[in-house]
Amino acid sequence: MKMAKRIVSLMLALVMVLAMAACGKGKTLGGESVDNEGNTVITFAGWGSLAEKKIFTSMIDEFEKTHPGVKVNYQHIPGSQEDYLVKLTSLLAANKMPDVFYIHSDEFYSWVDAGRLENLTPYMQASEVAANTTVWEKSLNIFRYDSATHQVGVESGDLYGLPKDLGPWAMVYNKTLFEANGIPLPDPEVPMTWSEFVEVCKKLTSGKGVNKVFGTANYTLESAVWSNGADFLNKDHTQVTVDTPEFAEAMQWVADLALVHGVSPTAAEDSASGWFTRWCNGKVGMAWMGPWDQATFWDSVSFEWDIMPTPVSDKTGKGVTWLASAALCVSKDSKQKQLAYELAEFLSMNVEAQKYNYEAGQAVPNIVDMAKNDYLAMDKAPANKQVFLNIIEDAEKGQFKPTYYTKNTTWFTYFYSESSKVWNGDMTAAEFVKEIQPKMQERLDEGK
């Protein structure tokens, strides 16, 4: 996965000249613009599960009904997000870019700064749909880019993507397991402290070997770091700041859940069976999930579950987790830009499309009123859906990963490639962050 991101970044730089030179050759980059029946054809590409493919196929069918004479060639690219990026970059090199395509928020900077995305601001300003639809402001701002300052996420920037969704990463718990152990259910409004979290994990943990039940899956490091008042980068995203006591303390706390307390899988145990499989099999008390996991949990788990507020650091009293999104982008070289924008807008803002999306368990609705009313009232789990909305609305509870702010992600992937030294207990977190900070800084500087 980490190598794939590096390959994609290199390929983007290498193919820019070739792709630009190939433009203007008569065919649309996504294929022929008119089919044998006289329909105007646009192409749309994305990755995801087969369930997601089914959802977007249905939404595209509805779009075609509202646009007679238009056909959408949906290119579902199987595999992971990284597989998709490699494929998308190869399409760019071959002058076959789709008209509309996903770009994950972590990769948005490199694509927009490379000039591959159409500026959607004028299209949105002229749209009655956009004028009459209120989506999460944060989900729009994440895909803004200021070409003068080369900054993303700034209000001065133009819009280069519409939100496919806005995904809050929330802690989920096995309600059945809590009740079986006589443990009070987590409060949907008052978060546990880290100390309380560890004690609950100990009560949930039991058994040995393949039958062991863990109190928690591997804890999300970004959440622990942010909650403890630390970060990977400084405020202007130019300096790596992992070598602080607060960062080391948070990282060590995560490592000690396995190494000291035995309430989460060790690196070896996790490689034998991943957290998602353990969770679905009822072998984990608490884990993490995004809204896109809802449908899988509805269909694949036999226990009751719900979500809870992010545990807070005893030191700071803060509980922070991450948000992510994917942009619905229009290719800079599309021959059908207006129509491509209308497809992106339909998938992002159409009431029926968004209703279908959340009812299928794919996402929290982009439309604010729908999220705060219809989605919250839906009788399927999680019952505490407000936790998702709190992460979206409150900057103190949800923020974007540091890789969103940098074109080069090798500094970040290098950190994780070396972090096993801490997870395995070969180094303390304090030793590790002191050693790795200058090496991360070198990699960050290389990508400026």
Protein backbone atom coordinates (compact mmCIF):
# COMPACT_ATOMS: atom_id res chain seq x y z
CA MET A 1 0.00 0.00 0.00
CA LYS A 2 2.72 2.47 0.99
CA MET A 3 4.87 1.57 -2.00
CA ALA A 4 1.86 1.98 -4.29
CA LYS A 5 1.39 5.58 -3.12
CA ARG A 6 5.00 6.35 -3.86
CA ILE A 7 4.71 4.78 -7.31
CA VAL A 8 1.59 6.83 -8.02
CA SER A 9 3.33 10.08 -7.05
CA LEU A 10 6.27 9.28 -9.32
CA MET A 11 3.99 8.26 -12.18
CA LEU A 12 1.99 11.48 -11.89
CA ALA A 13 5.13 13.52 -12.32
CA LEU A 14 6.37 11.40 -15.23
CA VAL A 15 3.15 11.33 -17.24
CA MET A 16 2.15 15.00 -17.02
CA VAL A 17 4.05 16.07 -20.11
CA LEU A 18 2.94 13.01 -22.09
CA ALA A 19 -0.69 13.41 -21.11
CA MET A 20 -0.79 17.12 -21.91
CA ALA A 21 0.89 16.57 -25.25
CA ALA A 22 -1.69 13.93 -26.14
CA CYS A 23 -4.70 16.18 -25.54
CA GLY A 24 -6.76 17.54 -28.39
CA LYS A 25 -6.64 14.47 -30.58
CA GLY A 26 -10.35 14.20 -31.38
CA LYS A 27 -11.62 11.51 -28.98
CA THR A 28 -12.70 12.17 -25.46
CA LEU A 29 -10.21 10.93 -22.91
CA GLY A 30 -12.82 8.55 -21.53
CA GLY A 31 -13.63 7.06 -24.95
CA GLU A 32 -15.97 7.96 -27.83
CA SER A 33 -18.33 10.83 -26.94
CA VAL A 34 -21.26 9.37 -28.92
CA ASP A 35 -22.35 5.73 -29.08
CA ASN A 36 -24.01 3.86 -31.98
CA GLU A 37 -27.46 4.90 -30.79
CA GLY A 38 -26.60 8.57 -30.77
CA ASN A 39 -26.30 8.87 -26.99
CA THR A 40 -23.73 11.19 -25.50
CA VAL A 41 -21.34 9.06 -23.45
CA ILE A 42 -19.35 10.10 -20.41
CA THR A 43 -17.18 7.87 -18.27
CA PHE A 44 -17.07 7.58 -14.50
CA ALA A 45 -14.43 5.65 -12.53
CA GLY A 46 -14.22 4.63 -8.90
CA TRP A 47 -13.08 1.85 -6.61
CA GLY A 48 -14.82 0.11 -3.73
CA SER A 49 -16.59 -3.08 -2.76
CA LEU A 50 -19.15 -4.88 -4.87
CA ALA A 51 -21.78 -3.41 -2.56
CA GLU A 52 -20.55 0.09 -3.40
CA LYS A 53 -20.55 -0.79 -7.09
CA LYS A 54 -24.20 -1.81 -6.80
CA ILE A 55 -25.09 1.43 -5.03
CA PHE A 56 -23.41 3.65 -7.61
CA THR A 57 -24.84 1.65 -10.51
CA SER A 58 -28.32 2.39 -9.16
CA MET A 59 -27.55 6.09 -8.70
CA ILE A 60 -26.15 6.31 -12.24
CA ASP A 61 -29.31 4.66 -13.57
CA GLU A 62 -31.32 7.43 -11.92
CA PHE A 63 -29.01 10.08 -13.38
CA GLU A 64 -29.55 8.69 -16.88
CA LYS A 65 -33.33 8.91 -16.38
CA THR A 66 -33.00 12.62 -15.64
CA HIS A 67 -30.70 13.08 -18.66
CA PRO A 68 -32.32 11.46 -21.72
CA GLY A 69 -29.80 10.73 -24.44
CA VAL A 70 -26.92 10.42 -22.00
CA LYS A 71 -25.14 7.19 -21.09
CA VAL A 72 -22.59 6.80 -18.32
CA ASN A 73 -19.85 4.25 -18.79
CA TYR A 74 -19.16 3.23 -15.17
CA GLN A 75 -15.66 1.82 -14.77
CA HIS A 76 -15.58 0.09 -11.40
CA ILE A 77 -11.93 -0.70 -10.68
CA PRO A 78 -11.69 -3.63 -8.24
CA GLY A 79 -9.09 -3.90 -5.54
CA SER A 80 -7.82 -1.39 -3.02
CA GLN A 81 -7.62 2.38 -3.17
CA GLU A 82 -3.95 2.03 -4.04
CA ASP A 83 -4.70 -0.36 -6.92
CA TYR A 84 -7.20 2.19 -8.19
CA LEU A 85 -4.67 5.03 -8.09
CA VAL A 86 -2.13 3.02 -10.06
CA LYS A 87 -4.81 2.22 -12.66
CA LEU A 88 -6.01 5.82 -12.82
CA THR A 89 -2.48 7.09 -13.36
CA SER A 90 -1.97 4.57 -16.16
CA LEU A 91 -5.17 5.87 -17.80
CA LEU A 92 -3.73 9.37 -17.58
CA ALA A 93 -0.56 8.23 -19.30
CA ALA A 94 -2.59 6.50 -22.03
CA ASN A 95 -4.78 9.58 -22.65
CA LYS A 96 -7.87 7.67 -21.50
CA MET A 97 -8.85 9.55 -18.36
CA PRO A 98 -12.51 9.19 -17.31
CA ASP A 99 -14.61 12.33 -17.35
CA VAL A 100 -15.53 11.93 -13.66
CA PHE A 101 -13.53 9.99 -11.09
CA TYR A 102 -12.83 9.60 -7.37
CA ILE A 103 -9.77 11.11 -5.75
CA HIS A 104 -9.30 10.35 -2.05
CA SER A 105 -8.68 13.34 0.21
CA ASP A 106 -5.22 12.00 1.06
CA GLU A 107 -4.27 12.15 -2.64
CA PHE A 108 -6.17 15.30 -3.63
CA TYR A 109 -3.23 17.71 -3.19
CA SER A 110 -0.93 15.94 -5.63
CA TRP A 111 -3.62 15.70 -8.32
CA VAL A 112 -4.93 19.25 -8.08
CA ASP A 113 -1.44 20.76 -7.87
CA ALA A 114 -0.45 18.78 -10.97
CA GLY A 115 -3.22 20.53 -12.92
CA ARG A 116 -5.22 17.40 -13.67
CA LEU A 117 -8.57 18.58 -12.23
CA GLU A 118 -11.16 20.97 -13.62
CA ASN A 119 -12.06 24.02 -11.52
CA LEU A 120 -15.70 23.41 -10.56
CA THR A 121 -16.36 26.82 -8.99
CA PRO A 122 -18.04 28.41 -12.05
CA TYR A 123 -20.19 25.32 -12.64
CA MET A 124 -21.38 25.31 -9.05
CA GLN A 125 -22.05 29.06 -9.05
CA ALA A 126 -24.32 28.60 -12.07
CA SER A 127 -26.17 25.58 -10.63
CA GLU A 128 -29.66 25.88 -9.20
CA VAL A 129 -29.24 22.50 -7.50
CA ALA A 130 -26.13 23.66 -5.65
CA ALA A 131 -27.77 26.98 -4.77
CA ASN A 132 -30.69 25.17 -3.13
CA THR A 133 -28.78 22.36 -1.42
CA THR A 134 -26.87 22.72 1.84
CA VAL A 135 -24.07 20.19 2.22
CA TRP A 136 -21.48 20.03 4.97
CA GLU A 137 -19.27 23.11 4.57
CA LYS A 138 -16.29 21.09 5.68
CA SER A 139 -16.88 18.58 2.89
CA LEU A 140 -16.62 21.35 0.29
CA ASN A 141 -13.69 23.18 1.85
CA ILE A 142 -11.54 20.06 1.88
CA PHE A 143 -11.52 20.13 -1.92
CA ARG A 144 -10.62 23.79 -2.30
CA TYR A 145 -7.23 24.75 -3.71
CA ASP A 146 -5.57 28.17 -4.00
CA SER A 147 -3.35 28.07 -7.08
CA ALA A 148 -1.56 31.26 -6.04
CA THR A 149 -0.40 29.92 -2.68
CA HIS A 150 -0.50 26.19 -3.56
CA GLN A 151 -2.58 25.51 -0.45
CA VAL A 152 -5.46 23.10 -0.01
CA GLY A 153 -8.41 23.46 2.32
CA VAL A 154 -8.41 27.27 2.36
CA GLU A 155 -11.54 29.36 1.88
CA SER A 156 -9.74 31.51 -0.69
CA GLY A 157 -9.36 28.50 -2.94
CA ASP A 158 -11.49 27.35 -5.84
CA LEU A 159 -13.44 24.10 -5.73
CA TYR A 160 -11.87 21.16 -7.58
CA GLY A 161 -14.09 18.33 -6.38
CA LEU A 162 -17.53 17.64 -4.94
CA PRO A 163 -17.76 15.37 -1.90
CA LYS A 164 -18.60 11.76 -2.59
CA ASP A 165 -19.14 11.56 1.17
CA LEU A 166 -17.56 12.70 4.43
CA GLY A 167 -16.42 9.77 6.52
CA PRO A 168 -15.96 10.09 10.30
CA TRP A 169 -13.86 7.36 11.92
CA ALA A 170 -15.70 6.40 15.11
CA MET A 171 -15.21 3.88 17.88
CA VAL A 172 -17.66 0.98 17.73
CA TYR A 173 -18.44 -1.44 20.55
CA ASN A 174 -19.93 -4.93 20.85
CA LYS A 175 -23.03 -4.25 22.89
CA THR A 176 -23.76 -7.95 23.39
CA LEU A 177 -20.27 -8.57 24.80
CA PHE A 178 -20.56 -5.64 27.19
CA GLU A 179 -23.86 -6.93 28.52
CA ALA A 180 -22.60 -10.52 28.82
CA ASN A 181 -19.76 -9.26 31.05
CA GLY A 182 -22.01 -7.02 33.14
CA ILE A 183 -20.25 -3.87 31.94
CA PRO A 184 -22.29 -0.65 31.68
CA LEU A 185 -22.69 0.48 28.09
CA PRO A 186 -20.61 3.48 27.01
CA ASP A 187 -22.32 6.83 27.43
CA PRO A 188 -23.26 8.23 23.99
CA GLU A 189 -22.40 11.77 25.13
CA VAL A 190 -19.74 11.45 27.83
CA PRO A 191 -16.51 9.83 26.57
CA MET A 192 -14.36 7.43 28.57
CA THR A 193 -10.95 8.62 29.68
CA TRP A 194 -7.96 6.57 28.53
CA SER A 195 -7.65 5.12 32.03
CA GLU A 196 -11.30 4.08 32.04
CA PHE A 197 -10.92 2.67 28.55
CA VAL A 198 -8.05 0.41 29.64
CA GLU A 199 -10.01 -0.87 32.63
CA VAL A 200 -13.04 -1.69 30.48
CA CYS A 201 -10.76 -3.44 27.96
CA LYS A 202 -9.35 -5.63 30.73
CA LYS A 203 -12.85 -6.71 31.74
CA LEU A 204 -13.72 -7.55 28.13
CA THR A 205 -10.54 -9.54 27.46
CA SER A 206 -10.66 -13.31 27.99
CA GLY A 207 -9.39 -16.64 26.65
CA LYS A 208 -6.22 -17.61 24.84
CA GLY A 209 -4.93 -18.39 21.38
CA VAL A 210 -7.37 -18.37 18.47
CA ASN A 211 -10.30 -18.13 20.89
CA LYS A 212 -9.01 -15.06 22.71
CA VAL A 213 -11.42 -12.15 22.95
CA PHE A 214 -9.65 -8.79 22.97
CA GLY A 215 -10.99 -5.73 24.72
CA THR A 216 -10.04 -3.57 21.77
CA ALA A 217 -8.71 -3.79 18.26
CA ASN A 218 -5.48 -1.95 17.50
CA TYR A 219 -6.01 1.66 18.52
CA THR A 220 -5.79 4.36 15.85
CA LEU A 221 -2.50 6.17 16.45
CA GLU A 222 -3.61 9.48 14.92
CA SER A 223 -6.48 9.60 17.39
CA ALA A 224 -4.20 9.00 20.36
CA VAL A 225 -1.64 11.56 19.17
CA TRP A 226 -4.16 14.33 18.51
CA SER A 227 -6.09 13.60 21.69
CA ASN A 228 -2.88 13.98 23.71
CA GLY A 229 -2.15 17.43 22.27
CA ALA A 230 0.49 16.35 19.75
CA ASP A 231 0.67 16.16 15.96
CA PHE A 232 2.79 14.85 13.11
CA LEU A 233 3.42 18.30 11.60
CA ASN A 234 3.50 21.93 12.72
CA LYS A 235 0.67 24.31 11.82
CA ASP A 236 2.05 25.29 8.41
CA HIS A 237 2.87 21.64 7.61
CA THR A 238 6.55 22.27 6.97
CA GLN A 239 8.13 20.62 10.01
CA VAL A 240 7.79 17.07 11.36
CA THR A 241 6.90 17.27 15.05
CA VAL A 242 6.80 13.66 16.20
CA ASP A 243 9.74 14.12 18.59
CA THR A 244 7.75 15.59 21.47
CA PRO A 245 6.96 14.08 24.87
CA GLU A 246 3.23 14.26 24.13
CA PHE A 247 3.60 12.31 20.87
CA ALA A 248 5.83 9.68 22.46
CA GLU A 249 3.45 9.31 25.39
CA ALA A 250 0.48 8.74 23.07
CA MET A 251 2.36 6.24 20.91
CA GLN A 252 3.58 4.33 23.94
CA TRP A 253 0.07 4.22 25.35
CA VAL A 254 -1.15 2.60 22.12
CA ALA A 255 1.73 0.10 22.12
CA ASP A 256 1.17 -0.80 25.77
CA LEU A 257 -2.41 -1.85 25.10
CA ALA A 258 -0.86 -4.97 23.60
CA LEU A 259 2.60 -5.15 25.16
CA VAL A 260 1.70 -4.39 28.79
CA HIS A 261 -2.06 -4.81 29.23
CA GLY A 262 -2.64 -7.57 26.68
CA VAL A 263 -6.02 -6.11 25.72
CA SER A 264 -5.30 -5.60 22.01
CA PRO A 265 -3.59 -7.93 19.51
CA THR A 266 0.16 -7.86 19.22
CA ALA A 267 1.67 -7.35 15.78
CA ALA A 268 2.03 -11.13 15.41
CA GLU A 269 -1.55 -11.79 16.53
CA ASP A 270 -2.86 -9.12 14.18
CA SER A 271 -1.03 -10.59 11.20
CA ALA A 272 -2.56 -13.99 11.99
CA SER A 273 -6.08 -12.57 11.96
CA GLY A 274 -6.90 -8.93 11.20
CA TRP A 275 -9.03 -6.79 13.45
CA PHE A 276 -11.96 -6.62 11.02
CA THR A 277 -12.32 -10.40 10.91
CA ARG A 278 -11.99 -10.61 14.69
CA TRP A 279 -14.62 -7.92 15.12
CA CYS A 280 -17.12 -9.56 12.78
CA ASN A 281 -16.58 -12.85 14.62
CA GLY A 282 -17.37 -11.24 17.97
CA LYS A 283 -13.78 -11.53 19.24
CA VAL A 284 -13.26 -7.80 19.91
CA GLY A 285 -15.03 -5.56 22.41
CA MET A 286 -14.24 -2.20 20.82
CA ALA A 287 -12.85 -1.25 17.42
CA TRP A 288 -13.12 1.50 14.81
CA MET A 289 -15.50 1.95 11.91
CA GLY A 290 -16.56 4.38 9.20
CA PRO A 291 -20.11 4.80 7.90
CA TRP A 292 -19.16 2.68 4.89
CA ASP A 293 -18.95 -0.33 7.24
CA GLN A 294 -22.60 -0.13 8.24
CA ALA A 295 -23.98 -2.44 5.56
CA THR A 296 -21.32 -5.08 6.26
CA PHE A 297 -22.12 -4.98 9.96
CA TRP A 298 -25.87 -5.21 9.25
CA ASP A 299 -25.33 -8.32 7.18
CA SER A 300 -22.28 -10.01 8.73
CA VAL A 301 -22.37 -9.78 12.53
CA SER A 302 -24.63 -11.73 14.86
CA PHE A 303 -24.34 -9.40 17.86
CA GLU A 304 -25.71 -5.96 18.71
CA TRP A 305 -23.35 -3.02 18.29
CA ASP A 306 -23.25 0.76 18.54
CA ILE A 307 -20.81 3.65 18.35
CA MET A 308 -19.40 5.76 21.17
CA PRO A 309 -17.49 9.03 21.61
CA THR A 310 -13.72 8.91 21.10
CA PRO A 311 -11.93 8.21 24.41
CA VAL A 312 -10.20 11.28 25.83
CA SER A 313 -6.64 11.67 27.05
CA ASP A 314 -6.41 11.91 30.83
CA LYS A 315 -3.95 14.77 30.32
CA THR A 316 -5.91 16.96 27.90
CA GLY A 317 -9.52 15.82 28.24
CA LYS A 318 -9.75 15.75 24.44
CA GLY A 319 -10.87 12.93 22.17
CA VAL A 320 -10.02 13.48 18.51
CA THR A 321 -10.36 11.17 15.53
CA TRP A 322 -9.98 11.53 11.79
CA LEU A 323 -12.24 12.44 8.91
CA ALA A 324 -11.71 11.46 5.31
CA SER A 325 -13.49 11.99 2.04
CA ALA A 326 -13.23 11.32 -1.65
CA ALA A 327 -13.72 14.00 -4.27
CA LEU A 328 -15.87 13.52 -7.32
CA CYS A 329 -13.56 15.24 -9.77
CA VAL A 330 -13.86 16.24 -13.42
CA SER A 331 -10.88 15.68 -15.67
CA LYS A 332 -9.23 18.88 -16.87
CA ASP A 333 -9.21 17.32 -20.35
CA SER A 334 -12.80 16.08 -20.47
CA LYS A 335 -14.68 17.00 -23.64
CA GLN A 336 -17.99 16.94 -21.72
CA LYS A 337 -17.20 19.12 -18.72
CA GLN A 338 -20.68 20.51 -18.09
CA LEU A 339 -22.26 17.08 -18.28
CA ALA A 340 -19.47 15.62 -16.18
CA TYR A 341 -20.10 18.28 -13.53
CA GLU A 342 -23.81 17.44 -13.55
CA LEU A 343 -23.03 13.78 -12.89
CA ALA A 344 -20.69 14.67 -10.03
CA GLU A 345 -23.30 17.03 -8.61
CA PHE A 346 -26.03 14.41 -8.91
CA LEU A 347 -23.98 11.81 -7.03
CA SER A 348 -23.02 14.36 -4.38
CA MET A 349 -26.20 16.41 -3.88
CA ASN A 350 -29.27 14.77 -5.41
CA VAL A 351 -31.85 14.05 -2.71
CA GLU A 352 -32.87 10.63 -4.01
CA ALA A 353 -29.26 9.58 -4.62
CA GLN A 354 -28.24 10.60 -1.11
CA LYS A 355 -31.27 8.86 0.37
CA TYR A 356 -30.37 5.65 -1.43
CA ASN A 357 -26.75 6.03 -0.33
CA TYR A 358 -27.46 6.25 3.39
CA GLU A 359 -30.27 3.67 3.37
CA ALA A 360 -27.83 1.23 1.75
CA GLY A 361 -25.36 1.78 4.61
CA GLN A 362 -22.71 3.49 2.51
CA ALA A 363 -22.38 6.95 4.04
CA VAL A 364 -23.66 9.77 6.20
CA PRO A 365 -25.68 11.99 3.84
CA ASN A 366 -23.88 14.99 2.36
CA ILE A 367 -27.10 16.99 2.68
CA VAL A 368 -27.11 18.47 6.18
CA ASP A 369 -30.88 18.46 6.80
CA MET A 370 -31.14 14.86 5.63
CA ALA A 371 -28.30 13.82 7.93
CA LYS A 372 -29.76 15.58 10.95
CA ASN A 373 -33.28 14.30 10.42
CA ASP A 374 -33.90 11.30 8.17
CA TYR A 375 -30.55 9.61 8.80
CA LEU A 376 -30.72 10.01 12.58
CA ALA A 377 -34.27 8.65 12.55
CA MET A 378 -33.36 5.52 10.58
CA ASP A 379 -34.05 2.46 12.74
CA LYS A 380 -30.91 0.54 11.77
CA ALA A 381 -27.71 0.48 13.83
CA PRO A 382 -25.91 2.41 15.05
CA ALA A 383 -28.43 3.92 17.42
CA ASN A 384 -25.94 6.62 18.43
CA LYS A 385 -25.58 8.08 14.90
CA GLN A 386 -25.19 11.51 16.45
CA VAL A 387 -21.61 10.48 17.28
CA PHE A 388 -20.84 10.48 13.54
CA LEU A 389 -22.34 13.95 13.17
CA ASN A 390 -20.42 15.28 16.18
CA ILE A 391 -17.15 14.21 14.57
CA ILE A 392 -18.12 15.96 11.34
CA GLU A 393 -19.30 19.21 12.92
CA ASP A 394 -16.83 19.72 15.79
CA ALA A 395 -13.24 20.55 14.80
CA GLU A 396 -12.20 19.46 18.30
CA LYS A 397 -13.49 15.95 17.60
CA GLY A 398 -12.61 15.31 13.95
CA GLN A 399 -9.78 16.43 11.70
CA PHE A 400 -8.07 15.39 8.48
CA LYS A 401 -4.95 13.28 8.38
CA PRO A 402 -1.62 15.11 8.01
CA THR A 403 -1.06 13.58 4.57
CA TYR A 404 -3.95 15.69 3.25
CA TYR A 405 -1.79 18.81 3.61
CA THR A 406 1.34 17.57 1.82
CA LYS A 407 1.93 16.63 -1.81
CA ASN A 408 4.53 14.09 -0.75
CA THR A 409 3.39 11.28 1.56
CA THR A 410 6.65 9.31 1.78
CA TRP A 411 7.52 11.00 5.08
CA PHE A 412 4.34 9.56 6.60
CA THR A 413 4.53 6.11 5.07
CA TYR A 414 8.16 5.86 6.18
CA PHE A 415 7.06 6.48 9.75
CA TYR A 416 4.59 3.60 9.63
CA SER A 417 7.02 1.29 7.85
CA GLU A 418 9.40 1.69 10.78
CA SER A 419 6.84 1.84 13.60
CA SER A 420 6.87 -1.94 14.13
CA LYS A 421 9.96 -1.31 16.27
CA VAL A 422 7.61 0.17 18.87
CA TRP A 423 4.69 -2.20 18.34
CA ASN A 424 7.06 -5.18 18.77
CA GLY A 425 8.65 -3.67 21.89
CA ASP A 426 12.12 -3.38 20.35
CA MET A 427 12.26 0.35 21.07
CA THR A 428 10.37 2.71 23.33
CA ALA A 429 8.26 5.32 21.60
CA ALA A 430 10.48 8.06 23.01
CA GLU A 431 13.58 6.46 21.47
CA PHE A 432 11.82 5.83 18.18
CA VAL A 433 10.44 9.35 17.58
CA LYS A 434 13.80 10.93 18.39
CA GLU A 435 15.54 8.66 15.89
CA ILE A 436 12.98 8.92 13.09
CA GLN A 437 12.14 12.65 13.13
CA PRO A 438 15.14 13.85 11.06
CA LYS A 439 14.64 11.04 8.55
CA MET A 440 10.98 11.98 8.17
CA GLN A 441 11.95 15.64 7.77
CA GLU A 442 14.32 14.78 4.93
CA ARG A 443 11.53 12.99 3.09
CA LEU A 444 9.07 15.83 3.69
CA ASP A 445 11.57 18.38 2.35
CA GLU A 446 12.19 16.29 -0.77
CA GLY A 447 8.56 16.62 -1.76
CA LYS A 448 8.25 20.40 -1.48
